[in-house]
């Protein structure tokens, strides 16, 4: 029972662990009664030992679970911006993909000039502020990640191209209001019979269209039939 309890505590906590602990003590009591209540002092020692092992195993396992969650967070998250990293973004997008599905590619404008003028520490603060602005401007179902450098990506499951452009515009205004720079956005929706990677490449191309048009703007698909 105690070995099982220790193993159980590695994965479960709270009410589930209390239930298993109660089950263990109940079985000890039933076994003690079934054999005619011999040596009550031994039974008392057995119960105390069981409770001690329960408390110890729960404490150790709780720390183990926290360490595991922390390790998972570090493996999946960009350490600077707290958005998901590139690998995790693609994993989560594939898991949650549903039609329609839209993609935003975002790049901070003139970021190298900011670094040169204010220094890299301030530049990192601007990246964090931009990441917060992005996160606060998107729906709860959206997935935001750092694509690399000053470039970000947002996946929008269940959002069509027109709605995505509205969200992109909301992000653009939020970044401009909270950082000393602006952001250019490429916006597209996954088209029929194409892969997510193809849509991301197109969003990246549209991002550079926004850059060429003067930056601080959202560039979307011009093919109207794919916007619905």
Protein backbone atom coordinates (compact mmCIF):
# COMPACT_ATOMS: atom_id res chain seq x y z
CA UNK A 1 0.00 0.00 0.00
CA UNK A 2 2.72 2.45 0.94
CA UNK A 3 4.75 1.76 -2.21
CA UNK A 4 1.60 2.30 -4.30
CA UNK A 5 0.85 5.50 -2.41
CA UNK A 6 4.32 6.89 -3.07
CA UNK A 7 4.04 6.08 -6.76
CA UNK A 8 0.53 7.56 -6.96
CA UNK A 9 1.63 10.82 -5.39
CA UNK A 10 4.10 11.47 -8.22
CA UNK A 11 1.23 12.20 -10.61
CA UNK A 12 -1.76 13.15 -8.53
CA UNK A 13 -2.47 15.60 -5.73
CA UNK A 14 -5.29 17.32 -3.89
CA UNK A 15 -8.56 15.43 -3.41
CA UNK A 16 -7.40 12.46 -5.51
CA UNK A 17 -4.42 11.88 -3.22
CA UNK A 18 -6.56 12.32 -0.08
CA UNK A 19 -8.99 9.71 -1.44
CA UNK A 20 -6.21 7.18 -2.02
CA UNK A 21 -4.75 7.93 1.42
CA UNK A 22 -8.15 7.37 3.03
CA UNK A 23 -8.51 4.12 1.10
CA UNK A 24 -5.14 2.97 2.43
CA UNK A 25 -6.01 3.72 6.06
CA UNK A 26 -9.45 2.09 5.65
CA UNK A 27 -7.86 -1.09 4.35
CA UNK A 28 -5.43 -1.13 7.27
CA UNK A 29 -8.37 -0.79 9.66
CA UNK A 30 -10.41 -3.52 7.92
CA UNK A 31 -7.43 -5.85 7.95
CA UNK A 32 -6.84 -5.18 11.65
CA UNK A 33 -10.50 -5.87 12.48
CA UNK A 34 -10.59 -8.98 10.28
CA UNK A 35 -7.84 -10.69 12.27
CA UNK A 36 -9.47 -10.02 15.64
CA UNK A 37 -7.80 -6.77 16.77
CA UNK A 38 -4.50 -8.23 18.00
CA UNK A 39 -1.78 -5.91 19.29
CA UNK A 40 -3.49 -2.50 19.09
CA UNK A 41 -0.16 -0.79 19.74
CA UNK A 42 1.24 -2.35 16.56
CA UNK A 43 -1.77 -1.14 14.61
CA UNK A 44 -1.27 2.36 16.02
CA UNK A 45 2.39 2.32 14.91
CA UNK A 46 1.29 1.09 11.48
CA UNK A 47 -1.21 3.93 11.06
CA UNK A 48 1.31 6.54 12.22
CA UNK A 49 3.86 5.12 9.79
CA UNK A 50 1.31 5.22 6.95
CA UNK A 51 0.38 8.83 7.71
CA UNK A 52 4.04 9.84 7.90
CA UNK A 53 4.79 8.20 4.55
CA UNK A 54 1.72 9.89 3.04
CA UNK A 55 2.81 13.32 4.22
CA UNK A 56 6.42 12.80 3.16
CA UNK A 57 5.57 11.37 -0.25
CA UNK A 58 3.08 14.16 -0.94
CA UNK A 59 5.59 16.86 0.02
CA UNK A 60 8.37 15.37 -2.10
CA UNK A 61 6.07 14.70 -5.05
CA UNK A 62 4.57 18.18 -4.88
CA UNK A 63 8.07 19.63 -5.22
CA UNK A 64 8.77 17.19 -8.06
CA UNK A 65 5.62 18.29 -9.90
CA UNK A 66 6.53 21.95 -9.51
CA UNK A 67 10.02 21.26 -10.87
CA UNK A 68 8.55 19.34 -13.79
CA UNK A 69 6.14 22.16 -14.60
CA UNK A 70 8.97 24.68 -14.40
CA UNK A 71 11.14 22.60 -16.72
CA UNK A 72 8.27 22.25 -19.19
CA UNK A 73 7.64 26.01 -19.06
CA UNK A 74 11.30 26.76 -19.76
CA UNK A 75 11.38 24.26 -22.63
CA UNK A 76 8.26 25.70 -24.29
CA UNK A 77 8.63 29.42 -23.62
CA UNK A 78 10.82 32.18 -24.95
CA UNK A 79 12.73 33.32 -21.87
CA UNK A 80 12.68 37.02 -22.78
CA UNK A 81 9.09 37.64 -23.89
CA UNK A 82 7.27 34.77 -22.09
CA UNK A 83 5.53 33.90 -25.37
CA UNK A 84 5.84 30.34 -26.64
CA UNK A 85 8.96 29.58 -28.63
CA UNK A 86 8.94 28.71 -32.31
CA UNK A 87 8.87 24.91 -31.88
CA UNK A 88 6.05 25.02 -29.34
CA UNK A 89 4.06 27.44 -31.50
CA UNK A 90 3.94 24.96 -34.39
CA UNK A 91 3.07 22.07 -32.05
CA UNK A 92 0.18 23.94 -30.46
CA UNK A 93 -1.08 25.35 -33.74
CA UNK A 94 -1.26 21.87 -35.27
CA UNK A 95 -3.06 20.55 -32.18
CA UNK A 96 -5.65 23.34 -32.16
CA UNK A 97 -5.98 24.01 -35.89
CA UNK A 98 -9.54 24.44 -37.08
CA UNK A 99 -11.07 26.05 -40.14
CA UNK A 100 -10.92 28.91 -40.70
CA UNK A 101 -7.36 29.44 -39.53
CA UNK A 102 -5.50 32.72 -39.93
CA UNK A 103 -1.86 33.68 -39.45
CA UNK A 104 -0.28 37.00 -38.49
CA UNK A 105 3.41 37.66 -38.99
CA UNK A 106 4.68 40.72 -37.13
CA UNK A 107 8.00 42.55 -37.15
CA UNK A 108 8.97 45.62 -35.09
CA UNK A 109 9.92 48.52 -37.32
CA UNK A 110 13.44 50.04 -37.19
CA UNK A 111 14.34 47.85 -34.22
CA UNK A 112 18.07 47.97 -34.97
CA UNK A 113 17.95 51.75 -34.67
CA UNK A 114 16.29 51.39 -31.27
CA UNK A 115 19.07 49.10 -30.10
CA UNK A 116 21.70 51.51 -31.40
CA UNK A 117 20.04 54.49 -29.76
CA UNK A 118 18.93 53.04 -26.41
CA UNK A 119 21.14 49.95 -26.02
CA UNK A 120 20.31 46.25 -26.00
CA UNK A 121 18.94 46.19 -22.44
CA UNK A 122 16.34 48.78 -23.35
CA UNK A 123 15.78 46.91 -26.60
CA UNK A 124 14.90 43.81 -24.62
CA UNK A 125 12.42 45.84 -22.59
CA UNK A 126 10.79 47.05 -25.80
CA UNK A 127 10.51 43.44 -26.99
CA UNK A 128 8.81 42.46 -23.73
CA UNK A 129 6.42 45.39 -24.00
CA UNK A 130 5.57 44.48 -27.58
CA UNK A 131 4.97 40.85 -26.57
CA UNK A 132 2.59 41.98 -23.81
CA UNK A 133 0.75 44.23 -26.25
CA UNK A 134 0.35 41.33 -28.67
CA UNK A 135 -0.85 38.95 -25.97
CA UNK A 136 -3.43 41.44 -24.67
CA UNK A 137 -4.77 42.15 -28.16
CA UNK A 138 -5.60 38.61 -29.27
CA UNK A 139 -8.43 36.19 -28.36
CA UNK A 140 -7.92 33.57 -25.65
CA UNK A 141 -7.92 30.83 -28.29
CA UNK A 142 -5.06 32.44 -30.23
CA UNK A 143 -1.43 31.30 -30.00
CA UNK A 144 1.29 33.95 -29.93
CA UNK A 145 4.95 33.12 -30.27
CA UNK A 146 8.32 34.72 -30.81
CA UNK A 147 9.49 33.74 -34.27
CA UNK A 148 13.00 35.08 -33.85
CA UNK A 149 14.71 38.40 -33.13
CA UNK A 150 12.08 41.14 -33.25
CA UNK A 151 9.66 39.01 -35.27
CA UNK A 152 6.49 37.48 -33.80
CA UNK A 153 3.80 35.13 -35.08
CA UNK A 154 0.17 34.67 -34.10
CA UNK A 155 -2.06 31.72 -34.98
CA UNK A 156 -5.80 32.39 -34.94
CA UNK A 157 -7.90 29.19 -35.00
CA UNK A 158 -11.54 29.82 -35.95
CA UNK A 159 -10.76 33.32 -37.27
CA UNK A 160 -11.16 34.30 -40.93
CA UNK A 161 -8.89 36.66 -42.85
CA UNK A 162 -11.09 39.72 -42.35
CA UNK A 163 -11.31 39.17 -38.58
CA UNK A 164 -7.57 38.51 -38.45
CA UNK A 165 -6.89 41.86 -40.16
CA UNK A 166 -8.98 43.59 -37.46
CA UNK A 167 -6.94 41.82 -34.76
CA UNK A 168 -3.73 42.76 -36.56
CA UNK A 169 -4.81 46.40 -36.57
CA UNK A 170 -5.56 46.18 -32.83
CA UNK A 171 -2.05 44.82 -32.23
CA UNK A 172 -0.54 47.56 -34.39
CA UNK A 173 -2.22 50.28 -32.32
CA UNK A 174 -1.30 48.60 -29.01
CA UNK A 175 2.38 48.29 -29.93
CA UNK A 176 2.52 51.91 -31.07
CA UNK A 177 0.91 53.02 -27.79
CA UNK A 178 3.20 51.03 -25.47
CA UNK A 179 6.61 51.10 -27.19
CA UNK A 180 8.71 53.78 -28.93
CA UNK A 181 8.38 51.89 -32.20
CA UNK A 182 5.72 50.51 -34.53
CA UNK A 183 4.99 47.11 -36.01
CA UNK A 184 4.32 45.86 -39.52
CA UNK A 185 1.90 42.95 -39.93
CA UNK A 186 1.33 40.38 -42.64
CA UNK A 187 -2.12 38.77 -42.46
CA UNK A 188 -3.53 35.76 -44.28
CA UNK A 189 -5.82 32.76 -43.86
CA UNK A 190 -4.99 29.16 -44.70
CA UNK A 191 -6.46 28.46 -48.10
CA UNK A 192 -8.16 25.23 -49.17
CA UNK A 193 -5.77 22.38 -49.97
CA UNK A 194 -2.69 24.17 -48.65
CA UNK A 195 -0.53 23.52 -45.59
CA UNK A 196 -0.02 25.76 -42.58
CA UNK A 197 3.62 26.22 -43.64
CA UNK A 198 2.50 27.60 -47.00
CA UNK A 199 0.18 30.07 -45.27
CA UNK A 200 2.97 31.17 -42.94
CA UNK A 201 5.28 31.81 -45.88
CA UNK A 202 2.60 33.94 -47.52
CA UNK A 203 2.02 35.87 -44.28
CA UNK A 204 5.77 36.50 -44.17
CA UNK A 205 5.70 37.80 -47.75
CA UNK A 206 2.78 40.08 -46.85
CA UNK A 207 4.77 41.34 -43.86
CA UNK A 208 7.43 42.60 -46.26
CA UNK A 209 4.71 44.13 -48.42
CA UNK A 210 3.72 46.16 -45.35
CA UNK A 211 7.36 47.13 -44.86
CA UNK A 212 7.68 48.32 -48.48
CA UNK A 213 4.45 50.29 -48.23
CA UNK A 214 5.85 52.39 -45.39
CA UNK A 215 5.71 50.18 -42.27
CA UNK A 216 3.30 50.57 -39.33
CA UNK A 217 0.46 48.89 -41.21
CA UNK A 218 -1.35 45.59 -41.80
CA UNK A 219 -0.99 43.99 -45.24
CA UNK A 220 -3.52 41.26 -46.04
CA UNK A 221 -4.56 39.00 -48.89
CA UNK A 222 -5.85 40.79 -51.97
CA UNK A 223 -7.74 37.70 -53.19
CA UNK A 224 -11.25 38.43 -51.90
CA UNK A 225 -12.56 34.87 -52.20
CA UNK A 226 -10.07 33.66 -49.60
CA UNK A 227 -11.03 36.28 -47.03
CA UNK A 228 -14.22 34.54 -45.90
